[in-house]
Protein backbone atom coordinates (compact mmCIF):
# COMPACT_ATOMS: atom_id res chain seq x y z
CA MET A 1 9.99 -25.15 -49.04
CA ARG A 2 7.35 -26.04 -46.08
CA ILE A 3 10.30 -25.43 -43.76
CA VAL A 4 10.93 -22.02 -45.32
CA LEU A 5 7.35 -21.29 -45.03
CA PHE A 6 6.89 -22.52 -41.36
CA TRP A 7 9.76 -20.33 -40.73
CA LEU A 8 8.58 -17.12 -42.65
CA LEU A 9 5.27 -17.67 -40.97
CA CYS A 10 7.22 -17.36 -37.64
CA GLY A 11 8.94 -14.60 -38.25
CA ILE A 12 5.72 -12.71 -39.85
CA ALA A 13 4.11 -13.73 -36.27
CA LEU A 14 7.07 -12.20 -34.31
CA VAL A 15 7.37 -9.17 -36.35
CA ALA A 16 3.27 -8.98 -35.37
CA GLN A 17 3.94 -9.10 -31.81
CA THR A 18 7.20 -6.81 -31.63
CA TYR A 19 8.59 -3.27 -32.24
CA SER A 20 11.77 -2.53 -33.40
CA ASP A 21 14.26 0.33 -32.80
CA SER A 22 18.17 1.08 -32.16
CA ALA A 23 17.48 2.49 -29.09
CA LEU A 24 15.14 2.26 -25.76
CA SER A 25 13.42 4.33 -23.69
CA ALA A 26 11.79 3.36 -19.90
CA TYR A 27 8.92 5.95 -20.66
CA GLY A 28 8.49 8.62 -23.87
CA GLU A 29 10.78 9.03 -26.97
CA VAL A 30 14.52 9.06 -27.21
CA LYS A 31 16.40 12.58 -27.93
CA TYR A 32 18.56 11.40 -30.49
CA LYS A 33 17.74 9.95 -34.06
CA ASP A 34 19.66 9.21 -36.59
CA PHE A 35 22.81 11.21 -34.82
CA LYS A 36 26.74 11.62 -35.26
CA TYR A 37 27.51 12.34 -31.92
CA PHE A 38 25.93 13.35 -28.54
CA ASP A 39 25.46 17.08 -28.24
CA TYR A 40 27.53 17.15 -25.33
CA VAL A 41 30.61 15.81 -26.47
CA ASN A 42 33.81 17.56 -28.70
CA PRO A 43 33.73 15.24 -31.87
CA ASN A 44 36.80 16.94 -32.37
CA ALA A 45 38.31 16.36 -28.88
CA PRO A 46 42.51 15.43 -29.61
CA LYS A 47 43.65 11.96 -28.49
CA GLY A 48 46.55 11.49 -26.49
CA GLY A 49 48.23 12.13 -22.85
CA HIS A 50 48.66 10.34 -19.73
CA ILE A 51 46.04 10.95 -17.08
CA LYS A 52 45.93 9.44 -13.53
CA GLN A 53 42.99 9.63 -10.96
CA TYR A 54 43.25 8.12 -7.58
CA ALA A 55 41.22 5.46 -5.65
CA LEU A 56 41.01 4.86 -1.80
CA GLY A 57 42.22 1.79 -0.17
CA SER A 58 43.11 -1.12 -2.10
CA PHE A 59 42.28 -4.08 -4.68
CA ASP A 60 42.66 -7.53 -5.49
CA SER A 61 40.57 -8.55 -8.61
CA PHE A 62 39.63 -7.53 -11.90
CA TYR A 63 36.69 -9.20 -12.11
CA ASP A 64 33.56 -6.80 -10.16
CA PHE A 65 31.24 -9.93 -11.00
CA LEU A 66 32.37 -12.06 -8.60
CA LEU A 67 31.21 -11.97 -4.32
CA LYS A 68 34.67 -12.00 -3.17
CA GLY A 69 37.50 -9.70 -3.39
CA VAL A 70 37.79 -5.88 -4.18
CA SER A 71 37.37 -4.74 -7.24
CA ALA A 72 40.13 -2.29 -9.04
CA ARG A 73 38.76 0.98 -10.44
CA GLY A 74 38.40 1.53 -14.12
CA LEU A 75 36.93 -1.84 -14.92
CA ASN A 76 34.00 -0.47 -16.81
CA LEU A 77 36.66 0.70 -19.59
CA LEU A 78 37.16 -2.83 -20.71
CA TYR A 79 33.85 -4.26 -21.61
CA ASP A 80 31.21 -2.90 -23.91
CA SER A 81 27.39 -3.17 -23.36
CA LEU A 82 24.61 -4.46 -25.48
CA MET A 83 23.35 -0.32 -25.42
CA VAL A 84 24.70 2.69 -24.20
CA ARG A 85 22.79 5.08 -21.83
CA SER A 86 23.39 8.94 -22.45
CA PHE A 87 23.74 11.18 -20.12
CA ASP A 88 21.66 14.24 -21.04
CA GLU A 89 18.44 11.56 -20.58
CA PRO A 90 16.81 10.39 -17.39
CA SER A 91 16.23 6.74 -18.93
CA SER A 92 17.58 6.39 -22.77
CA GLN A 93 19.69 3.62 -24.13
CA TYR A 94 21.31 3.49 -27.68
CA GLY A 95 22.33 0.18 -29.77
CA LEU A 96 26.24 -0.65 -29.31
CA VAL A 97 27.13 -3.96 -29.37
CA ALA A 98 23.15 -4.47 -30.10
CA LYS A 99 22.51 -2.68 -33.24
CA ARG A 100 18.84 -3.25 -32.69
CA VAL A 101 16.57 -4.28 -30.48
CA GLN A 102 12.75 -6.18 -30.70
CA ARG A 103 10.53 -5.90 -27.92
CA ALA A 104 7.25 -7.73 -27.45
CA LYS A 105 4.55 -5.79 -27.11
CA ASP A 106 3.32 -7.39 -24.09
CA ASN A 107 6.74 -7.17 -22.64
CA SER A 108 7.14 -11.10 -22.23
CA PHE A 109 10.61 -10.81 -24.44
CA VAL A 110 13.39 -9.00 -25.85
CA ILE A 111 15.25 -9.96 -28.71
CA PHE A 112 18.77 -7.96 -29.19
CA HIS A 113 20.41 -8.28 -33.08
CA LEU A 114 24.02 -7.72 -33.01
CA ASN A 115 26.26 -5.40 -34.28
CA GLU A 116 28.40 -7.65 -36.96
CA ALA A 117 31.43 -5.21 -37.08
CA ALA A 118 31.46 -6.03 -33.06
CA HIS A 119 34.71 -7.91 -32.20
CA PHE A 120 36.68 -8.30 -28.82
CA ASN A 121 40.28 -6.84 -28.54
CA ASP A 122 41.81 -9.99 -29.61
CA GLY A 123 39.88 -9.85 -32.89
CA VAL A 124 37.55 -12.41 -32.16
CA GLU A 125 33.41 -11.36 -33.27
CA ILE A 126 31.09 -10.83 -30.36
CA THR A 127 27.98 -13.20 -30.77
CA ALA A 128 24.94 -14.27 -29.25
CA PHE A 129 26.76 -17.01 -27.20
CA ASP A 130 28.59 -14.69 -25.69
CA VAL A 131 25.95 -12.60 -24.40
CA GLU A 132 24.55 -16.05 -23.62
CA PHE A 133 27.46 -16.97 -21.38
CA SER A 134 27.85 -13.28 -19.91
CA PHE A 135 23.78 -13.06 -18.54
CA ASN A 136 24.49 -16.99 -17.27
CA THR A 137 27.94 -15.56 -15.56
CA ILE A 138 26.84 -12.46 -14.04
CA ALA A 139 23.01 -12.56 -13.83
CA LYS A 140 22.98 -16.30 -12.47
CA GLY A 141 26.67 -16.32 -10.79
CA GLU A 142 27.43 -16.14 -7.13
CA ASN A 143 26.95 -12.25 -6.59
CA PRO A 144 23.44 -12.18 -4.79
CA SER A 145 22.35 -8.60 -5.65
CA MET A 146 22.94 -9.38 -9.42
CA VAL A 147 21.16 -12.78 -9.28
CA GLN A 148 18.23 -10.78 -7.72
CA TYR A 149 18.75 -7.87 -10.22
CA TYR A 150 17.85 -9.99 -13.15
CA ALA A 151 15.29 -12.30 -11.41
CA ASP A 152 12.36 -11.49 -13.24
CA VAL A 153 14.24 -12.66 -16.69
CA LYS A 154 13.27 -16.05 -17.40
CA ASP A 155 16.00 -17.73 -19.59
CA VAL A 156 18.22 -16.70 -22.59
CA GLU A 157 17.52 -18.47 -26.10
CA VAL A 158 20.71 -18.16 -28.94
CA LEU A 159 18.34 -17.51 -31.93
CA SER A 160 20.98 -16.68 -34.20
CA LYS A 161 24.97 -16.01 -34.10
CA TYR A 162 23.54 -12.54 -34.18
CA ALA A 163 20.41 -12.91 -32.44
CA VAL A 164 19.81 -13.30 -28.53
CA ARG A 165 16.32 -13.47 -27.12
CA PHE A 166 15.83 -12.91 -23.28
CA ASN A 167 12.20 -14.56 -22.02
CA PHE A 168 10.79 -12.79 -18.82
CA ASN A 169 9.03 -14.29 -16.14
CA ASN A 170 7.29 -10.95 -15.10
CA PRO A 171 5.93 -8.97 -18.02
CA LYS A 172 4.87 -6.37 -15.71
CA ASN A 173 8.60 -5.41 -14.94
CA ARG A 174 8.89 -2.43 -17.73
CA GLU A 175 12.33 -1.94 -16.87
CA LEU A 176 13.56 -5.36 -17.79
CA ALA A 177 15.16 -4.64 -21.31
CA LEU A 178 16.71 -1.57 -20.25
CA ILE A 179 18.76 -3.93 -17.54
CA LEU A 180 19.82 -6.16 -20.06
CA GLY A 181 20.82 -3.42 -22.54
CA ASP A 182 23.47 -2.25 -19.74
CA LEU A 183 24.78 -6.13 -19.45
CA PRO A 184 28.88 -5.96 -20.26
CA ILE A 185 29.74 -8.68 -22.72
CA LEU A 186 32.16 -11.36 -21.88
CA PRO A 187 34.10 -13.26 -24.18
CA LYS A 188 33.13 -17.01 -23.83
CA HIS A 189 36.06 -18.26 -25.57
CA TYR A 190 38.52 -16.84 -23.38
CA TYR A 191 36.59 -17.15 -19.90
CA ALA A 192 34.65 -20.10 -20.06
CA ALA A 193 37.60 -22.20 -18.97
CA ALA A 194 39.29 -19.89 -16.35
CA ASN A 195 38.98 -20.29 -13.04
CA LEU A 196 38.57 -16.29 -11.91
CA ASN A 197 38.45 -16.93 -8.12
CA GLN A 198 41.43 -18.87 -8.29
CA ASN A 199 43.37 -16.22 -10.26
CA PRO A 200 41.17 -12.89 -9.61
CA LEU A 201 43.92 -10.84 -10.90
CA LYS A 202 44.31 -12.32 -14.21
CA ILE A 203 43.98 -9.39 -17.25
CA PRO A 204 40.94 -9.60 -18.37
CA LEU A 205 39.79 -9.41 -22.48
CA GLY A 206 37.16 -7.28 -23.12
CA SER A 207 35.72 -5.30 -26.15
CA GLY A 208 36.04 -2.07 -24.55
CA PRO A 209 37.86 1.22 -25.27
CA TYR A 210 40.50 0.47 -23.29
CA ALA A 211 42.65 -2.62 -21.84
CA ILE A 212 44.87 -3.62 -19.12
CA GLU A 213 48.44 -2.40 -19.75
CA SER A 214 50.12 -2.73 -16.37
CA PHE A 215 49.39 -2.87 -12.60
CA ASP A 216 51.29 -3.34 -9.01
CA ALA A 217 48.58 -5.43 -7.04
CA GLY A 218 46.73 -3.52 -4.62
CA ARG A 219 48.46 0.17 -5.82
CA SER A 220 47.92 0.88 -9.24
CA VAL A 221 46.28 -0.31 -12.36
CA THR A 222 46.94 1.14 -15.49
CA TYR A 223 44.75 1.30 -18.61
CA LYS A 224 45.61 1.84 -22.25
CA ARG A 225 43.32 2.70 -25.12
CA VAL A 226 42.96 0.13 -27.69
CA GLU A 227 43.82 1.53 -31.43
CA ASN A 228 41.77 -1.29 -32.91
CA TYR A 229 38.52 -0.29 -30.83
CA TRP A 230 36.28 -1.38 -33.13
CA ALA A 231 33.51 1.23 -31.86
CA LYS A 232 35.67 4.13 -32.22
CA GLU A 233 33.88 5.74 -35.06
CA HIS A 234 30.12 4.59 -33.10
CA PRO A 235 28.43 7.44 -33.18
CA THR A 236 27.81 6.64 -29.13
CA ARG A 237 31.81 6.58 -29.08
CA VAL A 238 32.55 9.77 -30.78
CA GLY A 239 34.45 12.34 -28.32
CA TYR A 240 34.76 9.68 -25.91
CA PHE A 241 38.13 7.90 -24.25
CA ASN A 242 40.57 10.61 -25.48
CA PHE A 243 43.34 10.08 -23.29
CA ASP A 244 45.98 6.96 -24.66
CA LYS A 245 46.50 5.75 -20.82
CA ILE A 246 44.59 6.14 -17.28
CA THR A 247 46.16 5.49 -13.99
CA PHE A 248 44.55 4.78 -10.68
CA GLU A 249 46.56 5.28 -7.88
CA TYR A 250 45.87 4.22 -4.56
CA TYR A 251 45.83 6.04 -1.33
CA LYS A 252 45.41 4.52 2.10
CA ASP A 253 43.53 7.97 3.13
CA ASP A 254 41.60 10.49 1.78
CA SER A 255 43.85 13.47 3.84
CA VAL A 256 47.00 12.07 1.69
CA ALA A 257 45.52 11.70 -1.62
CA LEU A 258 44.47 15.30 -1.43
CA GLU A 259 47.96 16.08 -0.99
CA ALA A 260 49.57 14.02 -3.71
CA PHE A 261 46.71 16.27 -5.20
CA LYS A 262 47.85 19.35 -5.05
CA ALA A 263 51.61 17.97 -5.30
CA GLY A 264 50.65 17.18 -9.31
CA ARG A 265 50.70 12.97 -8.38
CA TYR A 266 47.36 13.02 -9.98
CA ASP A 267 45.20 14.90 -12.17
CA PHE A 268 41.45 14.99 -11.64
CA ARG A 269 39.42 15.08 -8.52
CA GLU A 270 35.71 14.96 -7.43
CA GLU A 271 35.73 16.46 -4.04
CA THR A 272 32.96 15.01 -1.66
CA SER A 273 33.99 17.07 1.69
CA ALA A 274 33.03 21.18 2.01
CA LYS A 275 35.73 21.80 4.54
CA ASN A 276 38.36 20.13 1.44
CA TRP A 277 36.49 22.25 -0.98
CA ALA A 278 36.15 25.18 1.14
CA LEU A 279 39.48 25.34 2.47
CA GLY A 280 41.66 22.05 1.31
CA TYR A 281 42.74 23.24 -2.31
CA GLU A 282 44.39 25.98 -1.30
CA GLY A 283 48.38 26.49 -2.63
CA LYS A 284 50.62 27.63 -4.91
CA ALA A 285 49.25 25.56 -7.81
CA LEU A 286 45.90 26.94 -6.95
CA LYS A 287 46.73 30.57 -7.25
CA GLN A 288 48.98 30.12 -10.33
CA GLY A 289 45.93 28.78 -11.60
CA MET A 290 47.14 25.47 -12.19
CA ILE A 291 44.70 24.02 -10.26
CA GLN A 292 41.23 24.49 -11.54
CA LYS A 293 37.79 24.09 -9.13
CA GLN A 294 34.55 24.07 -10.67
CA GLU A 295 31.18 23.36 -9.71
CA LEU A 296 29.03 21.61 -12.40
CA ALA A 297 25.40 21.62 -12.00
CA HIS A 298 23.14 18.22 -12.47
CA LEU A 299 19.83 16.99 -12.12
CA LEU A 300 20.87 13.88 -10.47
CA PRO A 301 18.47 12.55 -7.87
CA SER A 302 20.38 12.91 -4.64
CA GLY A 303 19.49 9.40 -3.23
CA MET A 304 19.71 9.29 0.59
CA GLN A 305 22.92 9.36 2.72
CA GLY A 306 23.21 8.86 6.27
CA PHE A 307 23.34 7.25 9.48
CA VAL A 308 22.07 3.85 8.58
CA PHE A 309 20.76 1.45 11.19
CA ASN A 310 20.84 -2.07 11.07
CA VAL A 311 17.37 -3.36 12.41
CA ARG A 312 18.51 -7.00 12.69
CA LYS A 313 19.74 -5.99 15.87
CA SER A 314 17.18 -5.56 18.28
CA LEU A 315 18.52 -2.63 19.91
CA PHE A 316 17.23 -0.48 16.50
CA SER A 317 13.98 -2.99 15.55
CA ASP A 318 11.88 -0.49 17.94
CA LYS A 319 11.03 2.72 15.48
CA ARG A 320 10.83 4.67 18.32
CA VAL A 321 14.26 4.24 19.02
CA ARG A 322 15.60 5.06 15.70
CA GLU A 323 13.06 8.51 15.82
CA ALA A 324 14.71 9.23 19.14
CA LEU A 325 18.45 8.88 17.59
CA GLY A 326 17.43 11.21 14.50
CA LEU A 327 16.73 13.90 16.55
CA ALA A 328 20.18 13.91 18.69
CA PHE A 329 21.68 14.82 14.77
CA ASP A 330 22.14 18.49 14.54
CA PHE A 331 22.25 19.09 11.03
CA GLU A 332 21.82 22.80 11.16
CA TRP A 333 24.90 22.97 13.61
CA SER A 334 26.97 20.56 11.23
CA ASN A 335 26.04 22.51 8.20
CA LYS A 336 27.63 26.16 9.98
CA ASN A 337 30.39 24.81 11.76
CA LEU A 338 32.32 22.10 9.68
CA PHE A 339 30.38 22.37 6.14
CA PHE A 340 30.39 26.10 5.23
CA ASN A 341 26.45 26.03 4.97
CA GLN A 342 27.31 24.30 1.59
CA TYR A 343 24.64 21.74 2.13
CA THR A 344 21.42 20.94 1.81
CA ARG A 345 19.33 18.62 4.43
CA THR A 346 18.07 15.20 2.45
CA LYS A 347 14.84 14.95 2.93
CA SER A 348 13.56 12.27 1.10
CA PHE A 349 15.54 9.05 -0.69
CA PHE A 350 14.55 10.53 -3.88
CA ASP A 351 15.22 14.26 -3.03
CA ASN A 352 16.37 16.99 -5.78
CA SER A 353 13.68 14.85 -8.45
CA MET A 354 10.06 14.34 -9.30
CA TYR A 355 9.81 11.20 -7.03
CA ALA A 356 10.43 12.62 -3.75
CA SER A 357 7.03 12.71 -1.75
CA SER A 358 5.90 16.04 0.14
CA GLY A 359 2.81 17.06 2.41
CA VAL A 360 0.54 14.37 2.65
CA PRO A 361 -0.63 11.54 0.68
CA LEU A 362 -3.25 12.43 -2.30
CA GLY A 363 -4.88 11.16 -5.30
CA ALA A 364 -2.92 8.04 -6.91
CA GLU A 365 -0.51 8.15 -4.29
CA LEU A 366 -3.26 7.74 -1.65
CA ALA A 367 -4.84 5.13 -3.82
CA LEU A 368 -1.98 2.76 -3.54
CA LEU A 369 -1.51 3.37 0.52
CA GLU A 370 -4.78 2.85 1.67
CA PRO A 371 -4.76 -0.83 1.18
CA LEU A 372 -1.81 -1.10 2.89
CA ARG A 373 -2.90 1.08 6.38
CA ASN A 374 -3.09 -1.61 8.71
CA ALA A 375 0.41 -1.87 8.27
CA LEU A 376 1.57 1.74 8.47
CA PRO A 377 1.42 4.89 11.12
CA ASN A 378 -1.85 6.85 11.24
CA ALA A 379 0.27 9.75 11.06
CA LEU A 380 1.53 8.89 7.37
CA PHE A 381 -1.86 9.65 6.12
CA THR A 382 -2.37 12.75 8.08
CA GLN A 383 0.87 14.78 8.39
CA GLU A 384 3.61 15.84 6.39
CA PHE A 385 7.06 14.28 7.16
CA THR A 386 8.99 16.47 8.54
CA LEU A 387 13.01 16.13 10.00
CA PRO A 388 13.82 17.96 13.30
CA GLN A 389 15.75 21.47 13.17
CA SER A 390 17.49 23.42 15.47
CA LYS A 391 18.61 27.11 15.18
CA GLY A 392 21.83 25.81 14.87
CA ASP A 393 23.58 27.57 17.88
CA GLY A 394 24.44 24.33 19.44
CA ASN A 395 21.44 24.46 21.82
CA ASN A 396 19.71 21.04 20.47
CA ARG A 397 17.70 21.09 24.07
CA LYS A 398 13.94 21.06 22.03
CA ASN A 399 14.85 18.04 20.40
CA LEU A 400 16.65 16.53 22.74
CA LYS A 401 13.63 16.14 24.96
CA LYS A 402 11.39 14.55 22.54
CA ALA A 403 14.28 11.94 22.13
CA GLN A 404 13.89 11.61 25.84
CA ALA A 405 10.38 10.77 25.85
CA LEU A 406 10.33 8.68 22.82
CA LEU A 407 13.15 6.75 24.60
CA LYS A 408 11.17 6.58 27.74
CA GLU A 409 7.94 5.18 25.77
CA ALA A 410 10.14 2.15 24.56
CA GLY A 411 10.82 1.33 27.90
CA PHE A 412 14.60 2.58 28.54
CA VAL A 413 15.31 4.33 31.98
CA PHE A 414 18.09 6.85 32.84
CA LYS A 415 20.40 5.20 35.73
CA ASN A 416 23.41 6.14 37.09
CA GLY A 417 24.24 8.30 34.29
CA ALA A 418 23.61 5.93 31.45
CA LEU A 419 20.68 4.60 29.77
CA GLU A 420 19.59 1.16 29.97
CA LYS A 421 17.13 -1.48 29.37
CA ASN A 422 16.09 -4.60 31.26
CA GLY A 423 19.69 -3.69 32.87
CA ILE A 424 21.53 -3.70 29.68
CA PRO A 425 23.44 -0.17 29.06
CA PHE A 426 22.45 1.66 25.60
CA VAL A 427 25.66 1.03 23.59
CA PHE A 428 26.56 0.67 20.06
CA GLU A 429 29.30 1.03 17.56
CA LEU A 430 29.20 3.09 14.52
CA LEU A 431 30.99 1.49 12.18
CA LEU A 432 33.34 3.73 9.19
CA VAL A 433 35.34 3.29 6.42
CA SER A 434 36.40 7.00 5.88
CA PRO A 435 38.14 9.08 8.65
CA ALA A 436 36.70 12.39 7.39
CA MET A 437 33.35 11.10 8.28
CA GLU A 438 34.56 11.09 12.01
CA ARG A 439 34.34 14.76 12.27
CA VAL A 440 30.13 14.49 11.35
CA ALA A 441 30.23 11.59 14.06
CA ILE A 442 31.62 13.24 17.09
CA PRO A 443 29.02 15.99 17.38
CA PHE A 444 26.23 13.27 16.50
CA GLN A 445 28.28 11.20 19.50
CA ARG A 446 27.95 14.05 21.93
CA ASN A 447 24.31 14.49 21.78
CA LEU A 448 23.72 10.63 22.40
CA LYS A 449 25.94 11.16 25.43
CA ILE A 450 23.24 13.75 26.67
CA LEU A 451 20.48 10.88 26.46
CA GLY A 452 22.88 8.44 28.22
CA ILE A 453 23.99 6.71 25.19
CA THR A 454 27.30 5.22 24.35
CA MET A 455 28.24 5.48 20.48
CA GLN A 456 31.80 3.84 20.00
CA ILE A 457 33.03 4.96 16.85
CA ARG A 458 35.06 2.77 14.86
CA THR A 459 37.37 3.19 11.67
CA VAL A 460 38.24 0.28 9.63
CA ASP A 461 40.31 -0.01 6.32
CA ILE A 462 38.25 -0.87 3.34
CA ALA A 463 38.86 -4.51 2.67
CA GLN A 464 37.44 -5.24 6.47
CA TYR A 465 35.11 -2.89 5.98
CA ILE A 466 33.45 -4.61 2.94
CA ASN A 467 33.86 -8.23 4.64
CA ARG A 468 31.52 -6.77 7.70
CA LEU A 469 29.10 -4.97 5.29
CA ARG A 470 28.75 -8.19 2.91
CA SER A 471 27.92 -10.22 6.34
CA PHE A 472 26.11 -7.20 8.48
CA ASP A 473 28.37 -7.47 10.90
CA TYR A 474 27.48 -3.96 12.44
CA ASP A 475 25.43 -1.80 14.56
CA MET A 476 25.07 1.30 12.73
CA ILE A 477 26.83 2.56 9.74
CA VAL A 478 27.21 5.30 7.48
CA SER A 479 25.89 4.43 3.66
CA VAL A 480 24.43 5.99 0.28
CA PHE A 481 21.44 4.61 -1.49
CA PRO A 482 21.96 5.58 -4.67
CA GLN A 483 19.03 6.53 -6.98
CA SER A 484 18.50 6.30 -10.72
CA LEU A 485 17.11 8.58 -12.88
CA SER A 486 14.23 6.00 -13.64
CA PRO A 487 13.61 3.65 -10.22
CA GLY A 488 12.80 0.08 -10.57
CA ASN A 489 14.55 -2.98 -9.89
CA GLU A 490 17.14 -1.71 -7.90
CA GLN A 491 14.85 -1.03 -5.09
CA THR A 492 14.44 -4.80 -4.62
CA PHE A 493 18.22 -4.92 -3.30
CA PHE A 494 18.16 -2.03 -1.12
CA TRP A 495 14.83 -2.86 0.83
CA GLY A 496 12.89 -6.19 -0.53
CA SER A 497 12.35 -8.60 2.36
CA ASP A 498 14.03 -11.43 0.18
CA SER A 499 17.53 -9.87 0.17
CA ALA A 500 17.53 -9.01 4.02
CA ASP A 501 19.08 -12.53 4.54
CA THR A 502 21.07 -12.39 1.80
CA GLN A 503 24.89 -12.17 2.61
CA GLY A 504 26.38 -9.57 0.07
CA SER A 505 22.78 -7.68 -0.81
CA TYR A 506 22.45 -4.13 -0.47
CA ASN A 507 19.43 -4.38 2.05
CA TYR A 508 22.15 -2.87 4.88
CA ILE A 509 19.18 -2.04 6.81
CA GLY A 510 17.75 -5.20 7.04
CA VAL A 511 14.12 -4.19 5.85
CA LYS A 512 11.52 -6.78 5.91
CA ASN A 513 8.50 -4.97 5.30
CA ALA A 514 5.36 -6.02 3.48
CA ALA A 515 4.20 -2.77 2.63
CA VAL A 516 7.68 -1.94 1.15
CA ASP A 517 7.59 -5.14 -0.62
CA ALA A 518 4.20 -4.24 -2.26
CA LEU A 519 5.08 -0.92 -3.12
CA ILE A 520 8.59 -2.05 -4.78
CA ALA A 521 6.26 -4.29 -6.89
CA LYS A 522 3.82 -1.48 -7.70
CA ILE A 523 7.08 0.46 -8.81
CA ILE A 524 8.67 -2.38 -11.14
CA GLN A 525 5.26 -3.34 -12.88
CA ALA A 526 4.36 0.70 -13.61
CA GLU A 527 3.05 0.90 -17.15
CA SER A 528 3.15 5.15 -17.41
CA TYR A 529 5.18 7.85 -15.83
CA THR A 530 2.20 8.60 -13.81
CA GLU A 531 2.21 5.02 -12.08
CA LEU A 532 6.01 5.29 -11.38
CA LEU A 533 5.85 8.70 -9.64
CA ALA A 534 2.52 7.53 -7.73
CA SER A 535 4.66 4.03 -6.81
CA THR A 536 7.93 5.92 -5.65
CA ARG A 537 6.70 8.64 -3.77
CA ALA A 538 4.07 6.43 -1.75
CA LEU A 539 7.74 3.89 -1.36
CA ASP A 540 9.50 7.16 -0.17
CA ARG A 541 7.27 8.20 2.21
CA VAL A 542 6.71 4.82 4.07
CA LEU A 543 10.79 4.53 4.25
CA LEU A 544 11.00 7.79 5.77
CA TRP A 545 8.44 7.51 8.82
CA GLU A 546 10.03 4.11 9.16
CA HIS A 547 13.16 5.90 10.45
CA TYR A 548 15.48 3.47 8.98
CA VAL A 549 18.18 6.27 8.03
CA ILE A 550 18.89 9.43 10.34
CA PRO A 551 19.46 11.39 6.78
CA HIS A 552 22.28 13.48 6.07
CA PHE A 553 22.64 16.15 3.33
CA HIS A 554 23.62 16.49 -0.38
CA THR A 555 24.67 19.45 -2.99
CA LYS A 556 23.30 19.88 -6.57
CA THR A 557 26.41 20.02 -8.16
CA PHE A 558 29.62 17.97 -9.09
CA ARG A 559 32.57 19.80 -7.40
CA VAL A 560 35.53 18.79 -9.14
CA ALA A 561 39.05 20.05 -9.27
CA PHE A 562 41.92 19.23 -11.88
CA TRP A 563 44.99 20.39 -13.06
CA ASP A 564 44.90 22.77 -15.61
CA PHE A 565 45.95 21.00 -18.90
CA LEU A 566 42.58 18.89 -18.66
CA GLU A 567 39.65 20.25 -20.77
CA HIS A 568 36.27 19.31 -20.95
CA PRO A 569 33.48 20.08 -23.80
CA ARG A 570 31.11 23.61 -23.17
CA ILE A 571 28.14 21.49 -22.76
CA THR A 572 28.05 19.78 -19.69
CA PRO A 573 25.60 16.68 -18.98
CA ALA A 574 22.92 17.07 -17.07
CA TYR A 575 23.28 13.59 -15.50
CA GLU A 576 26.89 12.77 -14.89
CA VAL A 577 30.37 14.31 -14.95
CA GLY A 578 31.31 12.86 -18.13
CA PHE A 579 34.68 12.68 -17.70
CA GLU A 580 34.86 10.07 -20.72
CA THR A 581 34.60 13.00 -22.63
CA TRP A 582 37.80 15.12 -21.23
CA TRP A 583 40.88 15.52 -23.40
CA VAL A 584 44.38 16.96 -22.81
CA ASN A 585 45.57 20.64 -23.88
CA GLN A 586 49.31 19.44 -24.66
CA ASN A 587 50.57 23.26 -24.39
CA ARG A 588 49.05 23.71 -21.36
CA LEU A 589 50.77 20.35 -20.01
CA GLU A 590 54.04 21.53 -21.15
CA LYS A 591 53.77 24.88 -19.33
CA ILE A 592 52.76 23.16 -16.01
CA ILE A 593 56.07 20.70 -16.57
CA LYS A 594 58.30 23.89 -17.22
CA GLN A 595 57.07 25.35 -13.48
CA TYR A 596 56.64 22.19 -11.92
CA PRO A 597 59.65 19.96 -13.05
CA SER A 598 58.51 17.00 -10.94
CA PHE A 599 55.02 16.87 -12.28
CA LYS A 600 55.57 14.20 -15.17
CA ARG A 601 53.12 12.45 -17.34
């Protein structure tokens, strides 16, 4: 009786210090309450069909939580997570493997109560021991980025067969519960004894809507819809995963992949090239309406794509040098002559969102920056950050003169037709993985040559590129720093000092900046949306003024091309393409096959 009373009292105390729900939101209310399906799906979408997608490069692993190897496309289809994010809200999650979540009011822990119906695709039920195993494998494993991402989680406790508790090192990290909600659940009984590094192409066991049916190592992988998928009637899954089979076929080059798409070798393509979008799809299939091109508006933050400096290299350790090279990139000319004026210049690491900085710092943002003033440029407090502009006529003389002045100030001299310092010529390498990016780099290369700088362009295969990225073996790269709808812990491994020397991290720049670290901490610990806005805008401003990146450009739509037998819901989500909600129109497919006998599925 005393034991029962003890646990009863513990339960009462736990309820008193927590709040419980079937959904999570970083800030504010969730959109959906007692719902049957999300607004952007077709709950009556027909099931069936075998569709093909494409990928570039190759693959040699089915385990994207391992440090080594190149993971296959589509692995997200294999595993269910504790919670599911909706595509039309910025930061909300709904229970899947976890039917209910219990959060401490002081954010010191979170408890996930599991759905007793959840099971892996071999019929074995999912328990708290699988959640514990998944966390220890992914968050405490060999991938340094994942270790850092989950660093504020102290430990995991199995409370019962269907309840698991995560204790936090840092209660001020308001995003931790959502981060854990994204955790994919691995089957302990299947993986505990397996040495995945020795057999990275061992077909995984998951709990998700698809399983790997077959593969040709490095060339293709086919996923088959799981007929007895445990969650197919779950509100977060209704209208999703309508294809019977999905095959990803690999191509070495994107131009070859585009021609293969027009020939009907695969069915759906999200286009990132302005030139391809403007000219690349012309042909019989497009004229006949067999290929459709659509631009789907979205509300996603653009993130930052650009020429990325490796500041670990002494050549780029001086901010004046980085700023000077930025003056040599003529966006207006490139947009007009290369991109058919389809792009907008990216002016913030959080462009196309409320998190982007503008003007001069004021109010709460200024209050955050003031204690860091001695570590920041004075201009940050008095001037709006602006990027160089030109008339787009190919005459970038004004900006190049400014660049010359900065380089001279940094100790470089023009001698014998080349720029040098201490007798060492200014020569560096731009490492690329996509040949399509060469057309962006070559005009930049020409402008640098006017300054006496030699930029060598080297394009390598994806395996070599990934290995060089992991070991920071490059001078400059083109990279993208994507941003979430609610900035948080990911900022640490983009620009946190602790990740700068950790091989395999995403701190490609090599940022070690105390002011940046302080502002990242403010973002993670923000207790309200207002605090998050001020902290993120302050971080954005510091990153811009440090000239770590020469910003490129972005578009505010998803550009998708697809064969006409594919259909999507009338409502498209604000934050994703939502291809998981599309389906096959069998009548249209048969019509295409009659006109194109080689088009077989």
